[in-house]
Amino acid sequence: MCPYPVNNAKVIRWSLRQPERCFRRAKAFSVIELMLSVAILGVIIFALYSVFNQTQKALRSTQTQGDVAEKGRAIFEMIGRELEQAQPTFSAIRNGTNIQSEINILGGFEYGPLTQKAERLDIQPRTNFLHNLFFFNNKTNAWQGIGYRVVNVTNGVGVLVRFETNHFGYRPVGNVLSGKFKTEPHTNSTYHHVADGVIHMAFTPYDSQGFRLGYDTTNRLPGYYRIYRTSDGALTQFSDVNNTNIANVTLQNGYKNPRAETLPYASVFAFSSNAMPSYIEMEFGILEPETLTQYYTMLQDQNPNATNFLARQVAKVHLFRERIPIRTAAQ
């Protein structure tokens, strides 16, 4: 007899005709073998999905960085191209009269600094500032006042806008254009949208020797700059003159910056008459679009963690820095 039963009817009939033959049943996969195969297949699929997911993340991150970098370069090119052509008005210094000298270049701060931290303790916190900048370009028979500032600021992030107005004929005096930049609402037609998600914008003037011009520094080019420095409304020991009526440069203290290697103090500066800085260093920081969208969504939902969320997105800020030469400055 066959040691293994045969269930197939045809095989049984055939085997009955040939009793001397013994047929064995064909073996199939066991349950354990099937479970092991499914497990191995699952591990392979999970590994392939992980590789695909990481590739997709890297692709999206590269695309985001490319878009933000392109936007940052476009903003720098626009501001740098206009700023390097800034012109002095040569309007009279005040000298105690009623005629006020128009400000050639004006830079200051509008909002308090925002400190951003990372989840990792080995990453140093950074302090962001939001400054404004105003200057002149001379177009044949017209003086063009141009300004940049960040508006609609919530928790240290806002919208960069550009101010533009014109003055035809004689040289502007009495802060005709710079006064408009400081007083006109940003909803007027003189302001134009430039970029969203701006979290840092700071300007620092330098002289022709490359030294920073701040209220806490000494004048390294005597005879050209007549600097009046103020600290909390009081005259500092570094001032060249003690009267704003005979000063062509006014420097005032701002916020203390812990990053001493870049901006020791965020000084407010104003250059008038014939005075112009030789260089202006611009620092610019912009949030990634996805992070900005998430932050605005939290604001709309009145999420109390929105401020803390933004303060911990230091890794999502793209920074740019450039020192822009002023072509018309005396060297």
Protein backbone atom coordinates (compact mmCIF):
# COMPACT_ATOMS: atom_id res chain seq x y z
CA MET A 1 0.00 0.00 0.00
CA CYS A 2 0.99 3.58 -0.57
CA PRO A 3 2.14 5.27 2.64
CA TYR A 4 0.38 8.51 1.58
CA PRO A 5 -3.31 8.61 0.58
CA VAL A 6 -4.19 10.03 -2.81
CA ASN A 7 -7.41 12.11 -2.95
CA ASN A 8 -7.59 13.00 -6.61
CA ALA A 9 -10.22 10.75 -8.27
CA LYS A 10 -8.40 10.46 -11.56
CA VAL A 11 -5.17 9.54 -9.85
CA ILE A 12 -7.04 6.95 -7.75
CA ARG A 13 -8.54 5.31 -10.81
CA TRP A 14 -5.20 5.37 -12.54
CA SER A 15 -3.43 3.98 -9.50
CA LEU A 16 -5.94 1.14 -9.22
CA ARG A 17 -4.97 0.04 -12.69
CA GLN A 18 -1.35 0.14 -11.63
CA PRO A 19 -1.26 -1.14 -8.06
CA GLU A 20 2.50 -1.62 -8.23
CA ARG A 21 3.00 2.19 -8.38
CA CYS A 22 2.87 4.38 -5.29
CA PHE A 23 2.09 8.05 -5.70
CA ARG A 24 2.87 10.78 -3.16
CA ARG A 25 0.75 13.91 -2.65
CA ALA A 26 2.38 17.23 -3.83
CA LYS A 27 3.33 19.44 -0.84
CA ALA A 28 2.10 23.17 -0.45
CA PHE A 29 3.38 26.10 1.70
CA SER A 30 2.67 25.84 5.37
CA VAL A 31 1.03 28.65 7.40
CA ILE A 32 4.34 29.54 9.05
CA GLU A 33 6.04 29.85 5.67
CA LEU A 34 3.26 32.10 4.38
CA MET A 35 3.44 34.34 7.47
CA LEU A 36 7.21 34.58 7.16
CA SER A 37 6.93 35.53 3.47
CA VAL A 38 4.34 38.21 4.22
CA ALA A 39 6.55 39.60 7.01
CA ILE A 40 9.62 39.77 4.75
CA LEU A 41 7.56 41.41 2.00
CA GLY A 42 6.23 43.97 4.53
CA VAL A 43 9.75 44.85 5.66
CA ILE A 44 10.84 45.33 2.04
CA ILE A 45 7.82 47.53 1.26
CA PHE A 46 8.37 49.61 4.43
CA ALA A 47 12.04 50.10 3.56
CA LEU A 48 11.17 51.17 0.02
CA TYR A 49 8.50 53.55 1.30
CA SER A 50 10.94 55.08 3.80
CA VAL A 51 13.49 55.70 1.06
CA PHE A 52 10.79 57.17 -1.19
CA ASN A 53 9.45 59.36 1.63
CA GLN A 54 12.89 60.68 2.51
CA THR A 55 13.56 61.39 -1.16
CA GLN A 56 10.29 63.29 -1.42
CA LYS A 57 11.09 65.31 1.72
CA ALA A 58 14.54 66.16 0.41
CA LEU A 59 13.06 67.18 -2.93
CA ARG A 60 10.44 69.41 -1.31
CA SER A 61 13.02 70.93 1.03
CA THR A 62 15.38 71.65 -1.85
CA GLN A 63 12.57 73.20 -3.85
CA THR A 64 11.52 75.36 -0.87
CA GLN A 65 15.08 76.50 -0.25
CA GLY A 66 15.48 77.32 -3.92
CA ASP A 67 12.26 79.36 -3.98
CA VAL A 68 13.16 81.27 -0.81
CA ALA A 69 16.73 81.87 -2.00
CA GLU A 70 15.43 83.17 -5.32
CA LYS A 71 13.05 85.52 -3.52
CA GLY A 72 15.80 86.72 -1.19
CA ARG A 73 18.21 87.37 -4.07
CA ALA A 74 15.51 89.31 -5.94
CA ILE A 75 14.84 91.51 -2.91
CA PHE A 76 18.55 92.12 -2.35
CA GLU A 77 19.06 92.96 -6.01
CA MET A 78 16.17 95.42 -5.99
CA ILE A 79 17.20 97.21 -2.78
CA GLY A 80 20.92 97.08 -3.59
CA ARG A 81 20.49 98.46 -7.12
CA GLU A 82 18.51 101.44 -5.79
CA LEU A 83 20.56 102.00 -2.65
CA GLU A 84 23.95 102.10 -4.36
CA GLN A 85 22.64 105.01 -6.47
CA ALA A 86 21.51 107.01 -3.42
CA GLN A 87 22.17 110.76 -3.80
CA PRO A 88 22.91 113.46 -1.19
CA THR A 89 20.61 116.46 -1.32
CA PHE A 90 23.29 118.97 -0.23
CA SER A 91 20.52 120.94 1.44
CA ALA A 92 21.65 123.44 4.05
CA ILE A 93 22.46 122.29 7.55
CA ARG A 94 19.95 123.64 9.98
CA ASN A 95 22.24 126.15 11.76
CA GLY A 96 19.44 127.24 14.04
CA THR A 97 17.25 128.52 11.22
CA ASN A 98 13.75 127.47 10.30
CA ILE A 99 15.03 125.57 7.25
CA GLN A 100 15.53 121.96 8.16
CA SER A 101 17.99 119.93 6.17
CA GLU A 102 16.43 117.08 4.24
CA ILE A 103 17.65 113.67 5.37
CA ASN A 104 19.76 111.94 2.72
CA ILE A 105 19.63 108.49 4.28
CA LEU A 106 17.47 107.56 7.24
CA GLY A 107 17.50 104.21 9.00
CA GLY A 108 15.80 103.17 12.19
CA PHE A 109 13.81 100.53 14.01
CA GLU A 110 10.06 100.30 14.41
CA TYR A 111 9.54 97.16 16.46
CA GLY A 112 11.26 95.53 19.38
CA PRO A 113 13.61 92.62 18.72
CA LEU A 114 12.40 89.03 18.65
CA THR A 115 14.61 86.28 20.06
CA GLN A 116 14.33 82.92 18.35
CA LYS A 117 15.48 79.66 19.93
CA ALA A 118 15.88 76.11 18.70
CA GLU A 119 14.91 72.85 20.36
CA ARG A 120 18.58 71.87 20.44
CA LEU A 121 20.61 73.47 23.21
CA ASP A 122 23.78 73.59 21.09
CA ILE A 123 22.18 76.09 18.67
CA GLN A 124 22.68 79.69 19.79
CA PRO A 125 19.52 81.85 19.91
CA ARG A 126 19.40 84.70 17.40
CA THR A 127 17.86 88.14 17.77
CA ASN A 128 15.85 89.58 14.89
CA PHE A 129 15.28 93.27 14.20
CA LEU A 130 12.88 95.11 11.91
CA HIS A 131 14.39 98.36 10.64
CA ASN A 132 13.23 100.85 8.03
CA LEU A 133 15.35 102.65 5.43
CA PHE A 134 14.84 105.82 3.39
CA PHE A 135 17.08 107.43 0.75
CA PHE A 136 17.05 109.58 -2.42
CA ASN A 137 17.65 108.90 -6.09
CA ASN A 138 18.05 111.78 -8.52
CA LYS A 139 16.22 111.34 -11.83
CA THR A 140 17.10 114.23 -14.19
CA ASN A 141 14.64 116.92 -13.06
CA ALA A 142 13.11 114.98 -10.16
CA TRP A 143 14.16 113.72 -6.75
CA GLN A 144 12.80 110.28 -5.99
CA GLY A 145 12.31 109.33 -2.36
CA ILE A 146 12.49 105.56 -1.79
CA GLY A 147 11.87 103.71 1.45
CA TYR A 148 11.51 100.16 2.74
CA ARG A 149 9.76 99.04 5.91
CA VAL A 150 8.01 96.02 7.39
CA VAL A 151 4.32 96.46 8.20
CA ASN A 152 1.46 94.35 9.60
CA VAL A 153 3.86 92.90 12.15
CA THR A 154 2.59 90.26 14.56
CA ASN A 155 5.07 88.72 16.98
CA GLY A 156 8.04 89.89 14.94
CA VAL A 157 7.03 88.81 11.41
CA GLY A 158 5.39 91.00 8.80
CA VAL A 159 5.18 92.22 5.20
CA LEU A 160 7.93 94.13 3.42
CA VAL A 161 6.64 97.15 1.49
CA ARG A 162 8.34 99.75 -0.70
CA PHE A 163 7.64 103.49 -0.47
CA GLU A 164 8.11 105.79 -3.46
CA THR A 165 7.34 109.45 -4.00
CA ASN A 166 8.74 112.21 -6.22
CA HIS A 167 9.71 115.86 -5.86
CA PHE A 168 10.18 117.91 -9.03
CA GLY A 169 12.37 120.96 -9.47
CA TYR A 170 14.61 122.24 -6.68
CA ARG A 171 16.38 120.14 -4.10
CA PRO A 172 14.04 118.94 -1.38
CA VAL A 173 14.38 120.74 1.95
CA GLY A 174 12.50 120.58 5.21
CA ASN A 175 12.12 116.79 5.15
CA VAL A 176 9.57 117.02 2.35
CA LEU A 177 9.91 113.38 1.27
CA SER A 178 11.39 111.65 4.29
CA GLY A 179 8.58 113.16 6.36
CA LYS A 180 6.03 111.47 4.11
CA PHE A 181 7.85 108.17 4.54
CA LYS A 182 7.53 108.47 8.32
CA THR A 183 3.94 109.72 8.46
CA GLU A 184 1.96 108.35 5.52
CA PRO A 185 -0.04 105.15 6.20
CA HIS A 186 1.26 102.08 4.42
CA THR A 187 -2.20 101.62 2.88
CA ASN A 188 -1.59 104.64 0.61
CA SER A 189 -0.73 104.26 -3.04
CA THR A 190 2.84 105.34 -2.28
CA TYR A 191 3.47 101.90 -0.74
CA HIS A 192 3.78 98.69 -2.73
CA HIS A 193 3.91 95.08 -1.57
CA VAL A 194 7.29 93.33 -1.90
CA ALA A 195 7.40 90.12 0.18
CA ASP A 196 5.64 88.23 2.99
CA GLY A 197 7.14 86.45 5.96
CA VAL A 198 9.91 88.96 6.70
CA ILE A 199 11.21 88.31 10.21
CA HIS A 200 14.50 90.20 10.16
CA MET A 201 15.68 93.34 8.35
CA ALA A 202 18.53 95.45 9.69
CA PHE A 203 20.76 98.17 8.21
CA THR A 204 24.18 99.29 9.47
CA PRO A 205 26.20 102.23 8.01
CA TYR A 206 29.98 102.07 7.49
CA ASP A 207 32.60 104.67 6.58
CA SER A 208 35.09 104.41 3.71
CA GLN A 209 37.57 102.54 5.92
CA GLY A 210 35.02 99.84 6.67
CA PHE A 211 34.34 100.86 10.28
CA ARG A 212 30.82 100.77 11.62
CA LEU A 213 29.11 104.09 12.28
CA GLY A 214 27.11 103.62 15.46
CA TYR A 215 26.27 105.75 18.45
CA ASP A 216 28.72 103.70 20.54
CA THR A 217 31.72 104.17 18.19
CA THR A 218 34.20 106.99 17.69
CA ASN A 219 34.43 109.07 14.51
CA ARG A 220 37.25 107.58 12.43
CA LEU A 221 37.05 110.16 9.64
CA PRO A 222 37.35 113.54 11.39
CA GLY A 223 36.59 116.61 9.33
CA TYR A 224 34.06 114.97 7.02
CA TYR A 225 31.38 113.69 9.37
CA ARG A 226 30.00 116.05 12.01
CA ILE A 227 28.36 113.44 14.18
CA TYR A 228 25.92 114.03 16.98
CA ARG A 229 25.49 110.87 19.06
CA THR A 230 22.73 110.38 21.57
CA SER A 231 22.14 107.65 24.12
CA ASP A 232 18.66 107.66 25.65
CA GLY A 233 18.37 111.35 24.80
CA ALA A 234 21.73 112.32 26.30
CA LEU A 235 24.87 113.39 24.44
CA THR A 236 27.60 110.74 24.42
CA GLN A 237 31.34 111.33 24.78
CA PHE A 238 32.01 110.24 21.19
CA SER A 239 30.11 113.14 19.57
CA ASP A 240 31.98 115.49 17.24
CA VAL A 241 29.45 118.26 17.81
CA ASN A 242 27.08 118.95 20.66
CA ASN A 243 24.29 120.55 18.65
CA THR A 244 22.02 118.88 16.12
CA ASN A 245 21.78 122.14 14.15
CA ILE A 246 25.40 121.84 12.98
CA ALA A 247 25.51 118.05 12.66
CA ASN A 248 25.27 116.32 9.31
CA VAL A 249 25.11 112.86 10.90
CA THR A 250 22.91 111.87 13.84
CA LEU A 251 23.38 108.51 15.54
CA GLN A 252 21.08 107.29 18.29
CA ASN A 253 21.18 104.12 20.34
CA GLY A 254 18.74 101.32 19.69
CA TYR A 255 18.32 97.81 21.03
CA LYS A 256 21.21 95.80 22.42
CA ASN A 257 22.12 92.89 20.21
CA PRO A 258 23.74 89.84 21.85
CA ARG A 259 25.35 88.87 18.51
CA ALA A 260 28.25 91.25 19.02
CA GLU A 261 30.12 90.00 15.98
CA THR A 262 27.58 91.49 13.56
CA LEU A 263 25.49 94.27 15.06
CA PRO A 264 26.72 95.33 18.52
CA TYR A 265 23.97 97.93 18.72
CA ALA A 266 21.01 98.56 16.47
CA SER A 267 21.62 102.27 15.97
CA VAL A 268 19.22 104.73 14.41
CA PHE A 269 21.10 106.82 11.84
CA ALA A 270 20.35 109.93 9.79
CA PHE A 271 22.69 111.48 7.19
CA SER A 272 21.89 114.96 5.89
CA SER A 273 23.43 117.79 3.86
CA ASN A 274 26.55 116.39 2.11
CA ALA A 275 27.06 113.37 4.39
CA MET A 276 26.64 109.85 3.04
CA PRO A 277 27.84 106.51 4.39
CA SER A 278 30.28 104.69 2.14
CA TYR A 279 28.61 101.33 2.74
CA ILE A 280 25.39 100.06 4.22
CA GLU A 281 25.23 96.47 5.36
CA MET A 282 21.87 94.85 5.02
CA GLU A 283 20.73 91.74 6.85
CA PHE A 284 17.52 90.13 5.73
CA GLY A 285 15.64 87.10 7.07
CA ILE A 286 12.54 85.46 5.64
CA LEU A 287 10.43 82.52 6.83
CA GLU A 288 9.73 79.47 4.71
CA PRO A 289 6.22 79.61 3.15
CA GLU A 290 4.93 76.45 4.87
CA THR A 291 6.04 77.71 8.29
CA LEU A 292 4.47 81.11 7.63
CA THR A 293 1.18 79.50 6.56
CA GLN A 294 1.15 77.33 9.67
CA TYR A 295 1.82 80.36 11.87
CA TYR A 296 -0.98 82.44 10.30
CA THR A 297 -3.35 79.48 10.67
CA MET A 298 -2.55 79.34 14.38
CA LEU A 299 -3.24 83.08 14.63
CA GLN A 300 -6.62 82.70 12.91
CA ASP A 301 -7.51 79.88 15.27
CA GLN A 302 -6.39 82.08 18.21
CA ASN A 303 -3.97 79.41 19.28
CA PRO A 304 -2.12 80.65 22.40
CA ASN A 305 1.02 78.76 21.31
CA ALA A 306 1.45 80.81 18.11
CA THR A 307 4.07 83.12 19.63
CA ASN A 308 6.05 80.26 21.12
CA PHE A 309 5.81 78.35 17.83
CA LEU A 310 7.28 81.26 15.88
CA ALA A 311 10.05 81.82 18.41
CA ARG A 312 11.23 78.22 17.91
CA GLN A 313 11.37 78.26 14.12
CA VAL A 314 14.94 79.54 13.88
CA ALA A 315 15.80 76.66 11.53
CA LYS A 316 13.05 77.79 9.12
CA VAL A 317 14.51 81.29 8.67
CA HIS A 318 16.67 81.96 5.61
CA LEU A 319 19.21 84.74 6.19
CA PHE A 320 20.92 86.97 3.65
CA ARG A 321 23.61 89.56 4.16
CA GLU A 322 25.30 91.97 1.80
CA ARG A 323 27.37 95.12 2.19
CA ILE A 324 26.13 97.59 -0.41
CA PRO A 325 28.49 100.36 -1.59
CA ILE A 326 27.14 103.89 -1.97
CA ARG A 327 28.61 105.14 -5.24
CA THR A 328 28.10 108.85 -4.51
CA ALA A 329 29.70 108.83 -1.06
CA ALA A 330 32.97 110.76 -0.55
CA GLN A 331 35.88 108.35 -0.22
